[in-house]
Amino acid sequence: MQVNGWERRVAHAEDDGTAERVRPQWGRRQGQICAACAAVVGVLLVCHGAVPNSGMRLGSLIESFLPWLGVVVVVLLGLALLRRSGVALVAVAAPVVAWVCLFGGLLLPEAQAGPRELVVVQHNVSDENRDPAGTARALARPEAGRRPDLIALQELVPSALPAYEKTLAAHYPHHAVRGTVGLWSRYPLSGARAVDVKPRGITESWRRALRAVVRTPHGDVAAYVAHLPSVRVRASGLASAWRDESAGLLGEAVGAERLRRAVLLGDLNGTVDDRGLAPLTSRLNVPERGFAFSFPAAFPVARIDQVMARSATVAHVRTLPATGSDHLPLAARIALH
């Protein structure tokens, strides 16, 4: 059996009585390694925007999973405590503070509902969903005595659309569908139209965004429903060029919106930390409470389904039970200003 260098060193140290000096040295080295790792994590949390995004789009890839660096921080903190390393504990404190500043607010309890709120549901229902009627019933189910005011759906295929229309009609008499996206509302809709967010590289018919005016009891709200192109993680990096281009087009449309209040509901195939969605996150408020990881439904690791708003606050977002889709539905409370 082969013996590595460390084992040989310890064996020799035990023979000559120096083991007690060797082990503390190795403990200090572990503490230094832990401190170095903590420094790297802290820099990524604070300066993730400085990571280059050309070529492999490494910046967007890191930002897509940025909250999960908290798991690394917890592991490093546990190692620092286990080794009783003061250097490591001091070093780990920095990423702990950085993570709490970035994401701690999402863990706070949900605030009390206000008098001028909309309850919305966002869901990519999947074009392979085998139970569209059951999915529609689940999305419209009342909670705390109240049904959602708006339901936004993506991947509406012609064969399933009648089931959604029929099931939702009783409680949502107003709806608009453009291409594969749709909006159902308890309140009247007007001015429904498609929004062009098709990247230049796509030549086939492609309608995946709409805009409509919702006439709520608290005033008109421009509602956008969108489904941006998918991204893929490959050996060459994150393939997100079409998604980024589409986000830019949607951002321009939202920026040109004349109504003061606007909400965006959609499968944006990106997290709010991903710079690829900056054309939207720079113009709209993102959720203040709740992580609500929505994809994949079997083991959600990221929230790529989004609810954003202008002249309004997305007070809380959470996931709903799984349907026949590979995404989890989201429910959100939007406080209108």
C-alpha atoms as a PDB file:
ATOM      1  CA  MET A   1       0.000   0.000   0.000  1.00  0.00           C
ATOM      2  CA  GLN A   2       1.386   3.395  -0.953  1.00  0.00           C
ATOM      3  CA  VAL A   3       1.786   6.032   1.726  1.00  0.00           C
ATOM      4  CA  ASN A   4       1.479   9.693   0.788  1.00  0.00           C
ATOM      5  CA  GLY A   5       3.857  12.405   1.956  1.00  0.00           C
ATOM      6  CA  TRP A   6       1.651  13.613   4.800  1.00  0.00           C
ATOM      7  CA  GLU A   7       1.223  10.092   6.203  1.00  0.00           C
ATOM      8  CA  ARG A   8       4.981   9.479   6.018  1.00  0.00           C
ATOM      9  CA  ARG A   9       5.606  12.790   7.775  1.00  0.00           C
ATOM     10  CA  VAL A  10       3.155  11.994  10.572  1.00  0.00           C
ATOM     11  CA  ALA A  11       4.582   8.478  10.979  1.00  0.00           C
ATOM     12  CA  HIS A  12       8.090   9.862  11.231  1.00  0.00           C
ATOM     13  CA  ALA A  13       6.917  12.551  13.646  1.00  0.00           C
ATOM     14  CA  GLU A  14       5.305   9.954  15.886  1.00  0.00           C
ATOM     15  CA  ASP A  15       8.538   7.985  15.892  1.00  0.00           C
ATOM     16  CA  ASP A  16      10.712  10.910  16.897  1.00  0.00           C
ATOM     17  CA  GLY A  17       8.218  12.568  19.251  1.00  0.00           C
ATOM     18  CA  THR A  18       7.440  15.655  17.126  1.00  0.00           C
ATOM     19  CA  ALA A  19       3.816  14.755  16.199  1.00  0.00           C
ATOM     20  CA  GLU A  20       2.417  17.400  18.476  1.00  0.00           C
ATOM     21  CA  ARG A  21       4.334  20.036  16.493  1.00  0.00           C
ATOM     22  CA  VAL A  22       3.326  18.643  13.063  1.00  0.00           C
ATOM     23  CA  ARG A  23      -0.423  18.557  13.706  1.00  0.00           C
ATOM     24  CA  PRO A  24      -0.735  22.226  14.771  1.00  0.00           C
ATOM     25  CA  GLN A  25       1.193  23.214  11.651  1.00  0.00           C
ATOM     26  CA  TRP A  26      -1.255  21.265   9.472  1.00  0.00           C
ATOM     27  CA  GLY A  27      -4.153  22.826  11.397  1.00  0.00           C
ATOM     28  CA  ARG A  28      -2.795  26.297  10.668  1.00  0.00           C
ATOM     29  CA  ARG A  29      -2.477  25.415   6.995  1.00  0.00           C
ATOM     30  CA  GLN A  30      -6.120  24.290   6.904  1.00  0.00           C
ATOM     31  CA  GLY A  31      -7.130  27.558   8.540  1.00  0.00           C
ATOM     32  CA  GLN A  32      -5.178  29.507   5.928  1.00  0.00           C
ATOM     33  CA  ILE A  33      -6.780  27.542   3.084  1.00  0.00           C
ATOM     34  CA  CYS A  34     -10.227  28.181   4.584  1.00  0.00           C
ATOM     35  CA  ALA A  35      -9.442  31.898   4.886  1.00  0.00           C
ATOM     36  CA  ALA A  36      -8.259  32.049   1.255  1.00  0.00           C
ATOM     37  CA  CYS A  37     -11.458  30.350   0.044  1.00  0.00           C
ATOM     38  CA  ALA A  38     -13.535  32.759   2.119  1.00  0.00           C
ATOM     39  CA  ALA A  39     -11.737  35.694   0.506  1.00  0.00           C
ATOM     40  CA  VAL A  40     -12.518  34.360  -2.991  1.00  0.00           C
ATOM     41  CA  VAL A  41     -16.208  33.850  -2.120  1.00  0.00           C
ATOM     42  CA  GLY A  42     -16.425  37.320  -0.589  1.00  0.00           C
ATOM     43  CA  VAL A  43     -14.930  38.913  -3.697  1.00  0.00           C
ATOM     44  CA  LEU A  44     -17.385  37.030  -5.939  1.00  0.00           C
ATOM     45  CA  LEU A  45     -20.346  38.166  -3.834  1.00  0.00           C
ATOM     46  CA  VAL A  46     -19.280  41.805  -3.730  1.00  0.00           C
ATOM     47  CA  CYS A  47     -17.651  42.154  -7.146  1.00  0.00           C
ATOM     48  CA  HIS A  48     -19.501  39.634  -9.318  1.00  0.00           C
ATOM     49  CA  GLY A  49     -20.238  42.432 -11.767  1.00  0.00           C
ATOM     50  CA  ALA A  50     -16.521  42.708 -12.492  1.00  0.00           C
ATOM     51  CA  VAL A  51     -16.299  39.116 -13.751  1.00  0.00           C
ATOM     52  CA  PRO A  52     -15.917  39.308 -17.568  1.00  0.00           C
ATOM     53  CA  ASN A  53     -18.945  38.268 -19.590  1.00  0.00           C
ATOM     54  CA  SER A  54     -17.462  38.001 -23.057  1.00  0.00           C
ATOM     55  CA  GLY A  55     -17.030  34.631 -24.700  1.00  0.00           C
ATOM     56  CA  MET A  56     -18.107  32.082 -22.092  1.00  0.00           C
ATOM     57  CA  ARG A  57     -20.391  34.579 -20.319  1.00  0.00           C
ATOM     58  CA  LEU A  58     -18.826  33.525 -17.052  1.00  0.00           C
ATOM     59  CA  GLY A  59     -20.269  36.560 -15.269  1.00  0.00           C
ATOM     60  CA  SER A  60     -23.852  35.632 -16.091  1.00  0.00           C
ATOM     61  CA  LEU A  61     -23.195  32.004 -15.184  1.00  0.00           C
ATOM     62  CA  ILE A  62     -21.929  32.929 -11.714  1.00  0.00           C
ATOM     63  CA  GLU A  63     -24.762  35.418 -11.189  1.00  0.00           C
ATOM     64  CA  SER A  64     -27.362  32.800 -12.112  1.00  0.00           C
ATOM     65  CA  PHE A  65     -26.421  30.791  -9.029  1.00  0.00           C
ATOM     66  CA  LEU A  66     -25.129  33.608  -6.819  1.00  0.00           C
ATOM     67  CA  PRO A  67     -27.380  32.850  -3.790  1.00  0.00           C
ATOM     68  CA  TRP A  68     -25.915  29.344  -3.609  1.00  0.00           C
ATOM     69  CA  LEU A  69     -22.583  30.817  -2.580  1.00  0.00           C
ATOM     70  CA  GLY A  70     -24.295  31.007   0.811  1.00  0.00           C
ATOM     71  CA  VAL A  71     -23.928  27.217   1.051  1.00  0.00           C
ATOM     72  CA  VAL A  72     -20.181  27.581   0.484  1.00  0.00           C
ATOM     73  CA  VAL A  73     -20.066  30.262   3.192  1.00  0.00           C
ATOM     74  CA  VAL A  74     -21.814  27.936   5.671  1.00  0.00           C
ATOM     75  CA  VAL A  75     -19.349  25.118   4.889  1.00  0.00           C
ATOM     76  CA  LEU A  76     -16.388  27.459   5.346  1.00  0.00           C
ATOM     77  CA  LEU A  77     -17.816  28.736   8.623  1.00  0.00           C
ATOM     78  CA  GLY A  78     -18.225  25.165   9.859  1.00  0.00           C
ATOM     79  CA  LEU A  79     -14.629  24.330   8.922  1.00  0.00           C
ATOM     80  CA  ALA A  80     -13.346  27.465  10.648  1.00  0.00           C
ATOM     81  CA  LEU A  81     -15.206  26.534  13.839  1.00  0.00           C
ATOM     82  CA  LEU A  82     -14.050  22.932  13.600  1.00  0.00           C
ATOM     83  CA  ARG A  83     -10.395  23.954  13.223  1.00  0.00           C
ATOM     84  CA  ARG A  84     -10.790  26.709  15.839  1.00  0.00           C
ATOM     85  CA  SER A  85      -8.914  29.010  13.489  1.00  0.00           C
ATOM     86  CA  GLY A  86      -9.169  32.667  14.400  1.00  0.00           C
ATOM     87  CA  VAL A  87      -7.772  33.712  11.014  1.00  0.00           C
ATOM     88  CA  ALA A  88     -10.399  31.654   9.182  1.00  0.00           C
ATOM     89  CA  LEU A  89     -13.249  32.908  11.368  1.00  0.00           C
ATOM     90  CA  VAL A  90     -12.298  36.521  10.730  1.00  0.00           C
ATOM     91  CA  ALA A  91     -11.981  35.834   6.995  1.00  0.00           C
ATOM     92  CA  VAL A  92     -15.364  34.053   6.797  1.00  0.00           C
ATOM     93  CA  ALA A  93     -17.089  37.004   8.475  1.00  0.00           C
ATOM     94  CA  ALA A  94     -16.707  39.092   5.301  1.00  0.00           C
ATOM     95  CA  PRO A  95     -18.648  36.778   2.920  1.00  0.00           C
ATOM     96  CA  VAL A  96     -21.243  36.193   5.655  1.00  0.00           C
ATOM     97  CA  VAL A  97     -21.905  39.933   5.836  1.00  0.00           C
ATOM     98  CA  ALA A  98     -21.865  40.240   2.026  1.00  0.00           C
ATOM     99  CA  TRP A  99     -24.385  37.414   1.570  1.00  0.00           C
ATOM    100  CA  VAL A 100     -26.714  38.814   4.233  1.00  0.00           C
ATOM    101  CA  CYS A 101     -26.584  42.269   2.631  1.00  0.00           C
ATOM    102  CA  LEU A 102     -27.398  40.823  -0.801  1.00  0.00           C
ATOM    103  CA  PHE A 103     -29.988  38.198   0.074  1.00  0.00           C
ATOM    104  CA  GLY A 104     -30.893  38.448   3.745  1.00  0.00           C
ATOM    105  CA  GLY A 105     -33.911  40.626   3.027  1.00  0.00           C
ATOM    106  CA  LEU A 106     -35.470  37.829   0.981  1.00  0.00           C
ATOM    107  CA  LEU A 107     -35.669  35.728   4.147  1.00  0.00           C
ATOM    108  CA  LEU A 108     -37.668  38.283   6.141  1.00  0.00           C
ATOM    109  CA  PRO A 109     -41.319  37.489   6.957  1.00  0.00           C
ATOM    110  CA  GLU A 110     -44.008  38.514   4.513  1.00  0.00           C
ATOM    111  CA  ALA A 111     -45.409  41.975   5.228  1.00  0.00           C
ATOM    112  CA  GLN A 112     -49.095  42.573   5.875  1.00  0.00           C
ATOM    113  CA  ALA A 113     -51.282  43.005   2.800  1.00  0.00           C
ATOM    114  CA  GLY A 114     -52.120  46.580   1.876  1.00  0.00           C
ATOM    115  CA  PRO A 115     -55.297  48.134   0.495  1.00  0.00           C
ATOM    116  CA  ARG A 116     -53.965  48.655  -3.054  1.00  0.00           C
ATOM    117  CA  GLU A 117     -52.568  45.263  -3.972  1.00  0.00           C
ATOM    118  CA  LEU A 118     -52.761  42.860  -6.859  1.00  0.00           C
ATOM    119  CA  VAL A 119     -52.255  39.136  -6.413  1.00  0.00           C
ATOM    120  CA  VAL A 120     -50.698  37.623  -9.520  1.00  0.00           C
ATOM    121  CA  VAL A 121     -49.686  34.148 -10.638  1.00  0.00           C
ATOM    122  CA  GLN A 122     -46.943  33.451 -13.174  1.00  0.00           C
ATOM    123  CA  HIS A 123     -46.437  30.019 -14.743  1.00  0.00           C
ATOM    124  CA  ASN A 124     -44.721  28.411 -17.695  1.00  0.00           C
ATOM    125  CA  VAL A 125     -47.254  25.621 -18.117  1.00  0.00           C
ATOM    126  CA  SER A 126     -45.021  23.569 -20.485  1.00  0.00           C
ATOM    127  CA  ASP A 127     -45.962  22.584 -24.009  1.00  0.00           C
ATOM    128  CA  GLU A 128     -45.822  18.947 -22.846  1.00  0.00           C
ATOM    129  CA  ASN A 129     -48.285  19.379 -19.973  1.00  0.00           C
ATOM    130  CA  ARG A 130     -50.714  16.457 -20.034  1.00  0.00           C
ATOM    131  CA  ASP A 131     -53.288  18.032 -17.722  1.00  0.00           C
ATOM    132  CA  PRO A 132     -53.926  21.644 -18.760  1.00  0.00           C
ATOM    133  CA  ALA A 133     -57.356  21.732 -17.108  1.00  0.00           C
ATOM    134  CA  GLY A 134     -55.926  20.502 -13.807  1.00  0.00           C
ATOM    135  CA  THR A 135     -53.116  23.030 -14.051  1.00  0.00           C
ATOM    136  CA  ALA A 136     -55.616  25.837 -14.660  1.00  0.00           C
ATOM    137  CA  ARG A 137     -57.715  24.812 -11.655  1.00  0.00           C
ATOM    138  CA  ALA A 138     -54.628  24.739  -9.439  1.00  0.00           C
ATOM    139  CA  LEU A 139     -53.520  28.196 -10.524  1.00  0.00           C
ATOM    140  CA  ALA A 140     -56.951  29.759  -9.942  1.00  0.00           C
ATOM    141  CA  ARG A 141     -57.441  28.150  -6.534  1.00  0.00           C
ATOM    142  CA  PRO A 142     -58.221  30.766  -3.857  1.00  0.00           C
ATOM    143  CA  GLU A 143     -55.837  31.173  -0.924  1.00  0.00           C
ATOM    144  CA  ALA A 144     -56.757  33.019   2.236  1.00  0.00           C
ATOM    145  CA  GLY A 145     -60.157  33.579   0.665  1.00  0.00           C
ATOM    146  CA  ARG A 146     -58.820  35.369  -2.415  1.00  0.00           C
ATOM    147  CA  ARG A 147     -58.204  34.240  -5.964  1.00  0.00           C
ATOM    148  CA  PRO A 148     -55.363  35.732  -8.033  1.00  0.00           C
ATOM    149  CA  ASP A 149     -56.263  38.907  -9.904  1.00  0.00           C
ATOM    150  CA  LEU A 150     -54.020  38.078 -12.866  1.00  0.00           C
ATOM    151  CA  ILE A 151     -52.700  34.784 -14.231  1.00  0.00           C
ATOM    152  CA  ALA A 152     -49.912  34.872 -16.819  1.00  0.00           C
ATOM    153  CA  LEU A 153     -49.077  31.731 -18.812  1.00  0.00           C
ATOM    154  CA  GLN A 154     -46.347  30.748 -21.251  1.00  0.00           C
ATOM    155  CA  GLU A 155     -45.920  27.789 -23.640  1.00  0.00           C
ATOM    156  CA  LEU A 156     -49.591  27.806 -24.557  1.00  0.00           C
ATOM    157  CA  VAL A 157     -49.944  25.366 -27.437  1.00  0.00           C
ATOM    158  CA  PRO A 158     -53.057  25.353 -29.675  1.00  0.00           C
ATOM    159  CA  SER A 159     -54.149  21.902 -28.520  1.00  0.00           C
ATOM    160  CA  ALA A 160     -54.171  22.922 -24.839  1.00  0.00           C
ATOM    161  CA  LEU A 161     -55.475  26.498 -25.148  1.00  0.00           C
ATOM    162  CA  PRO A 162     -59.197  25.544 -25.174  1.00  0.00           C
ATOM    163  CA  ALA A 163     -58.758  23.710 -21.838  1.00  0.00           C
ATOM    164  CA  TYR A 164     -57.231  26.786 -20.216  1.00  0.00           C
ATOM    165  CA  GLU A 165     -59.907  29.066 -21.651  1.00  0.00           C
ATOM    166  CA  LYS A 166     -62.762  26.844 -20.549  1.00  0.00           C
ATOM    167  CA  THR A 167     -61.429  26.148 -17.055  1.00  0.00           C
ATOM    168  CA  LEU A 168     -60.528  29.756 -16.261  1.00  0.00           C
ATOM    169  CA  ALA A 169     -63.581  31.392 -17.842  1.00  0.00           C
ATOM    170  CA  ALA A 170     -65.801  31.245 -14.746  1.00  0.00           C
ATOM    171  CA  HIS A 171     -63.513  33.392 -12.605  1.00  0.00           C
ATOM    172  CA  TYR A 172     -61.493  35.179 -15.288  1.00  0.00           C
ATOM    173  CA  PRO A 173     -63.876  36.597 -17.880  1.00  0.00           C
ATOM    174  CA  HIS A 174     -61.155  38.678 -19.519  1.00  0.00           C
ATOM    175  CA  HIS A 175     -58.160  37.228 -21.286  1.00  0.00           C
ATOM    176  CA  ALA A 176     -55.738  37.891 -24.121  1.00  0.00           C
ATOM    177  CA  VAL A 177     -53.505  35.432 -25.967  1.00  0.00           C
ATOM    178  CA  ARG A 178     -50.790  36.294 -28.462  1.00  0.00           C
ATOM    179  CA  GLY A 179     -48.760  33.429 -29.849  1.00  0.00           C
ATOM    180  CA  THR A 180     -47.752  31.164 -26.975  1.00  0.00           C
ATOM    181  CA  VAL A 181     -48.300  33.619 -24.088  1.00  0.00           C
ATOM    182  CA  GLY A 182     -51.543  34.617 -22.413  1.00  0.00           C
ATOM    183  CA  LEU A 183     -52.995  36.767 -19.648  1.00  0.00           C
ATOM    184  CA  TRP A 184     -56.191  36.025 -17.697  1.00  0.00           C
ATOM    185  CA  SER A 185     -57.726  38.769 -15.566  1.00  0.00           C
ATOM    186  CA  ARG A 186     -60.585  39.372 -13.139  1.00  0.00           C
ATOM    187  CA  TYR A 187     -60.651  42.946 -14.424  1.00  0.00           C
ATOM    188  CA  PRO A 188     -61.328  44.283 -17.923  1.00  0.00           C
ATOM    189  CA  LEU A 189     -58.471  44.277 -20.426  1.00  0.00           C
ATOM    190  CA  SER A 190     -57.938  46.661 -23.305  1.00  0.00           C
ATOM    191  CA  GLY A 191     -55.336  47.409 -25.959  1.00  0.00           C
ATOM    192  CA  ALA A 192     -53.965  43.879 -26.050  1.00  0.00           C
ATOM    193  CA  ARG A 193     -51.187  43.508 -28.615  1.00  0.00           C
ATOM    194  CA  ALA A 194     -48.111  41.448 -29.324  1.00  0.00           C
ATOM    195  CA  VAL A 195     -44.702  42.821 -28.365  1.00  0.00           C
ATOM    196  CA  ASP A 196     -41.812  42.068 -30.705  1.00  0.00           C
ATOM    197  CA  VAL A 197     -38.982  40.482 -28.707  1.00  0.00           C
ATOM    198  CA  LYS A 198     -37.772  38.081 -31.402  1.00  0.00           C
ATOM    199  CA  PRO A 199     -33.975  37.883 -31.750  1.00  0.00           C
ATOM    200  CA  ARG A 200     -32.579  38.472 -35.219  1.00  0.00           C
ATOM    201  CA  GLY A 201     -31.265  34.934 -35.518  1.00  0.00           C
ATOM    202  CA  ILE A 202     -34.747  33.371 -35.321  1.00  0.00           C
ATOM    203  CA  THR A 203     -36.401  33.271 -38.744  1.00  0.00           C
ATOM    204  CA  GLU A 204     -39.595  31.282 -38.063  1.00  0.00           C
ATOM    205  CA  SER A 205     -42.824  32.667 -36.614  1.00  0.00           C
ATOM    206  CA  TRP A 206     -42.136  33.576 -32.994  1.00  0.00           C
ATOM    207  CA  ARG A 207     -44.607  35.501 -30.816  1.00  0.00           C
ATOM    208  CA  ARG A 208     -43.765  35.225 -27.152  1.00  0.00           C
ATOM    209  CA  ALA A 209     -44.708  38.542 -25.549  1.00  0.00           C
ATOM    210  CA  LEU A 210     -47.832  40.647 -25.153  1.00  0.00           C
ATOM    211  CA  ARG A 211     -48.946  43.875 -23.561  1.00  0.00           C
ATOM    212  CA  ALA A 212     -52.424  44.751 -22.284  1.00  0.00           C
ATOM    213  CA  VAL A 213     -53.975  47.391 -20.039  1.00  0.00           C
ATOM    214  CA  VAL A 214     -55.631  46.036 -16.895  1.00  0.00           C
ATOM    215  CA  ARG A 215     -58.403  48.308 -15.600  1.00  0.00           C
ATOM    216  CA  THR A 216     -58.046  47.606 -11.865  1.00  0.00           C
ATOM    217  CA  PRO A 217     -60.124  49.283  -9.122  1.00  0.00           C
ATOM    218  CA  HIS A 218     -56.958  51.223  -8.284  1.00  0.00           C
ATOM    219  CA  GLY A 219     -56.318  52.532 -11.785  1.00  0.00           C
ATOM    220  CA  ASP A 220     -54.922  51.289 -15.074  1.00  0.00           C
ATOM    221  CA  VAL A 221     -51.860  49.053 -15.088  1.00  0.00           C
ATOM    222  CA  ALA A 222     -49.867  48.026 -18.160  1.00  0.00           C
ATOM    223  CA  ALA A 223     -49.304  44.273 -17.948  1.00  0.00           C
ATOM    224  CA  TYR A 224     -46.558  42.558 -19.942  1.00  0.00           C
ATOM    225  CA  VAL A 225     -46.324  38.789 -20.318  1.00  0.00           C
ATOM    226  CA  ALA A 226     -43.163  37.380 -21.861  1.00  0.00           C
ATOM    227  CA  HIS A 227     -41.211  34.222 -22.510  1.00  0.00           C
ATOM    228  CA  LEU A 228     -37.578  34.928 -23.359  1.00  0.00           C
ATOM    229  CA  PRO A 229     -35.349  32.427 -25.204  1.00  0.00           C
ATOM    230  CA  SER A 230     -33.842  29.558 -23.275  1.00  0.00           C
ATOM    231  CA  VAL A 231     -30.218  29.482 -22.166  1.00  0.00           C
ATOM    232  CA  ARG A 232     -27.933  26.458 -22.090  1.00  0.00           C
ATOM    233  CA  VAL A 233     -24.895  25.618 -19.982  1.00  0.00           C
ATOM    234  CA  ARG A 234     -22.307  24.048 -22.270  1.00  0.00           C
ATOM    235  CA  ALA A 235     -18.627  23.205 -22.160  1.00  0.00           C
ATOM    236  CA  SER A 236     -18.040  26.491 -23.995  1.00  0.00           C
ATOM    237  CA  GLY A 237     -19.907  28.435 -21.292  1.00  0.00           C
ATOM    238  CA  LEU A 238     -23.377  29.926 -20.967  1.00  0.00           C
ATOM    239  CA  ALA A 239     -25.254  30.196 -24.278  1.00  0.00           C
ATOM    240  CA  SER A 240     -27.485  33.224 -23.637  1.00  0.00           C
ATOM    241  CA  ALA A 241     -27.025  35.570 -26.611  1.00  0.00           C
ATOM    242  CA  TRP A 242     -30.627  35.248 -27.833  1.00  0.00           C
ATOM    243  CA  ARG A 243     -31.985  35.644 -24.314  1.00  0.00           C
ATOM    244  CA  ASP A 244     -29.916  38.784 -23.791  1.00  0.00           C
ATOM    245  CA  GLU A 245     -31.021  40.289 -27.108  1.00  0.00           C
ATOM    246  CA  SER A 246     -34.663  39.526 -26.373  1.00  0.00           C
ATOM    247  CA  ALA A 247     -34.344  41.052 -22.889  1.00  0.00           C
ATOM    248  CA  GLY A 248     -33.008  44.214 -24.494  1.00  0.00           C
ATOM    249  CA  LEU A 249     -36.014  44.454 -26.834  1.00  0.00           C
ATOM    250  CA  LEU A 250     -38.442  43.870 -23.979  1.00  0.00           C
ATOM    251  CA  GLY A 251     -36.625  46.456 -21.873  1.00  0.00           C
ATOM    252  CA  GLU A 252     -37.048  49.029 -24.637  1.00  0.00           C
ATOM    253  CA  ALA A 253     -40.770  48.280 -24.834  1.00  0.00           C
ATOM    254  CA  VAL A 254     -41.202  48.636 -21.075  1.00  0.00           C
ATOM    255  CA  GLY A 255     -39.117  51.807 -21.077  1.00  0.00           C
ATOM    256  CA  ALA A 256     -41.385  53.315 -23.733  1.00  0.00           C
ATOM    257  CA  GLU A 257     -44.562  52.424 -21.785  1.00  0.00           C
ATOM    258  CA  ARG A 258     -46.620  55.569 -21.201  1.00  0.00           C
ATOM    259  CA  LEU A 259     -48.713  54.294 -18.319  1.00  0.00           C
ATOM    260  CA  ARG A 260     -47.094  55.077 -14.996  1.00  0.00           C
ATOM    261  CA  ARG A 261     -47.742  51.620 -13.525  1.00  0.00           C
ATOM    262  CA  ALA A 262     -46.473  48.506 -15.247  1.00  0.00           C
ATOM    263  CA  VAL A 263     -46.007  44.872 -14.273  1.00  0.00           C
ATOM    264  CA  LEU A 264     -44.008  42.194 -16.023  1.00  0.00           C
ATOM    265  CA  LEU A 265     -44.843  38.506 -15.609  1.00  0.00           C
ATOM    266  CA  GLY A 266     -42.865  35.896 -17.433  1.00  0.00           C
ATOM    267  CA  ASP A 267     -40.436  33.085 -17.886  1.00  0.00           C
ATOM    268  CA  LEU A 268     -37.358  35.222 -18.483  1.00  0.00           C
ATOM    269  CA  ASN A 269     -34.879  32.336 -18.389  1.00  0.00           C
ATOM    270  CA  GLY A 270     -32.639  34.297 -16.049  1.00  0.00           C
ATOM    271  CA  THR A 271     -32.350  35.377 -12.440  1.00  0.00           C
ATOM    272  CA  VAL A 272     -32.636  38.963 -11.268  1.00  0.00           C
ATOM    273  CA  ASP A 273     -28.898  38.912 -10.455  1.00  0.00           C
ATOM    274  CA  ASP A 274     -27.947  37.931 -14.011  1.00  0.00           C
ATOM    275  CA  ARG A 275     -26.659  40.983 -15.901  1.00  0.00           C
ATOM    276  CA  GLY A 276     -28.341  39.619 -19.034  1.00  0.00           C
ATOM    277  CA  LEU A 277     -31.644  40.860 -17.578  1.00  0.00           C
ATOM    278  CA  ALA A 278     -30.237  44.305 -16.751  1.00  0.00           C
ATOM    279  CA  PRO A 279     -32.417  46.000 -19.428  1.00  0.00           C
ATOM    280  CA  LEU A 280     -35.381  44.932 -17.267  1.00  0.00           C
ATOM    281  CA  THR A 281     -34.031  45.015 -13.713  1.00  0.00           C
ATOM    282  CA  SER A 282     -32.715  48.535 -14.301  1.00  0.00           C
ATOM    283  CA  ARG A 283     -36.239  49.709 -15.137  1.00  0.00           C
ATOM    284  CA  LEU A 284     -38.407  47.592 -12.847  1.00  0.00           C
ATOM    285  CA  ASN A 285     -38.579  46.682  -9.167  1.00  0.00           C
ATOM    286  CA  VAL A 286     -37.823  43.063  -8.294  1.00  0.00           C
ATOM    287  CA  PRO A 287     -39.264  41.024  -5.393  1.00  0.00           C
ATOM    288  CA  GLU A 288     -38.343  42.189  -1.892  1.00  0.00           C
ATOM    289  CA  ARG A 289     -39.227  38.948  -0.074  1.00  0.00           C
ATOM    290  CA  GLY A 290     -38.896  35.295  -1.021  1.00  0.00           C
ATOM    291  CA  PHE A 291     -36.385  33.217  -2.987  1.00  0.00           C
ATOM    292  CA  ALA A 292     -39.041  31.174  -4.835  1.00  0.00           C
ATOM    293  CA  PHE A 293     -36.701  28.997  -6.903  1.00  0.00           C
ATOM    294  CA  SER A 294     -38.903  27.811  -9.758  1.00  0.00           C
ATOM    295  CA  PHE A 295     -36.796  25.638 -12.072  1.00  0.00           C
ATOM    296  CA  PRO A 296     -36.513  22.746 -12.540  1.00  0.00           C
ATOM    297  CA  ALA A 297     -39.672  21.693 -10.738  1.00  0.00           C
ATOM    298  CA  ALA A 298     -38.166  18.412  -9.517  1.00  0.00           C
ATOM    299  CA  PHE A 299     -35.284  20.182  -7.744  1.00  0.00           C
ATOM    300  CA  PRO A 300     -35.477  23.976  -8.125  1.00  0.00           C
ATOM    301  CA  VAL A 301     -32.103  25.723  -8.128  1.00  0.00           C
ATOM    302  CA  ALA A 302     -32.976  29.137  -9.564  1.00  0.00           C
ATOM    303  CA  ARG A 303     -35.876  31.534 -10.019  1.00  0.00           C
ATOM    304  CA  ILE A 304     -36.005  32.082 -13.766  1.00  0.00           C
ATOM    305  CA  ASP A 305     -39.737  32.896 -13.664  1.00  0.00           C
ATOM    306  CA  GLN A 306     -40.120  36.526 -12.658  1.00  0.00           C
ATOM    307  CA  VAL A 307     -42.554  39.148 -11.418  1.00  0.00           C
ATOM    308  CA  MET A 308     -41.367  42.757 -11.715  1.00  0.00           C
ATOM    309  CA  ALA A 309     -43.125  46.101 -11.484  1.00  0.00           C
ATOM    310  CA  ARG A 310     -42.829  49.849 -11.995  1.00  0.00           C
ATOM    311  CA  SER A 311     -44.499  52.388  -9.694  1.00  0.00           C
ATOM    312  CA  ALA A 312     -45.321  49.370  -7.572  1.00  0.00           C
ATOM    313  CA  THR A 313     -43.562  47.065  -5.126  1.00  0.00           C
ATOM    314  CA  VAL A 314     -43.357  43.305  -5.518  1.00  0.00           C
ATOM    315  CA  ALA A 315     -43.833  42.741  -1.804  1.00  0.00           C
ATOM    316  CA  HIS A 316     -43.509  38.968  -1.766  1.00  0.00           C
ATOM    317  CA  VAL A 317     -43.069  36.056  -4.163  1.00  0.00           C
ATOM    318  CA  ARG A 318     -43.395  32.335  -3.448  1.00  0.00           C
ATOM    319  CA  THR A 319     -43.776  29.083  -5.306  1.00  0.00           C
ATOM    320  CA  LEU A 320     -47.010  27.124  -5.576  1.00  0.00           C
ATOM    321  CA  PRO A 321     -47.339  23.319  -5.668  1.00  0.00           C
ATOM    322  CA  ALA A 322     -46.068  21.561  -8.778  1.00  0.00           C
ATOM    323  CA  THR A 323     -48.321  21.058 -11.786  1.00  0.00           C
ATOM    324  CA  GLY A 324     -47.727  19.075 -14.963  1.00  0.00           C
ATOM    325  CA  SER A 325     -44.968  21.500 -15.932  1.00  0.00           C
ATOM    326  CA  ASP A 326     -41.199  21.411 -15.511  1.00  0.00           C
ATOM    327  CA  HIS A 327     -41.510  24.864 -13.854  1.00  0.00           C
ATOM    328  CA  LEU A 328     -43.119  25.651 -10.519  1.00  0.00           C
ATOM    329  CA  PRO A 329     -45.808  28.356 -10.537  1.00  0.00           C
ATOM    330  CA  LEU A 330     -45.152  31.632  -8.725  1.00  0.00           C
ATOM    331  CA  ALA A 331     -47.613  33.726  -6.723  1.00  0.00           C
ATOM    332  CA  ALA A 332     -46.754  37.328  -5.894  1.00  0.00           C
ATOM    333  CA  ARG A 333     -48.277  40.316  -4.133  1.00  0.00           C
ATOM    334  CA  ILE A 334     -47.822  43.642  -5.875  1.00  0.00           C
ATOM    335  CA  ALA A 335     -48.453  46.829  -3.891  1.00  0.00           C
ATOM    336  CA  LEU A 336     -49.443  49.640  -6.224  1.00  0.00           C
ATOM    337  CA  HIS A 337     -48.025  53.099  -5.541  1.00  0.00           C
END
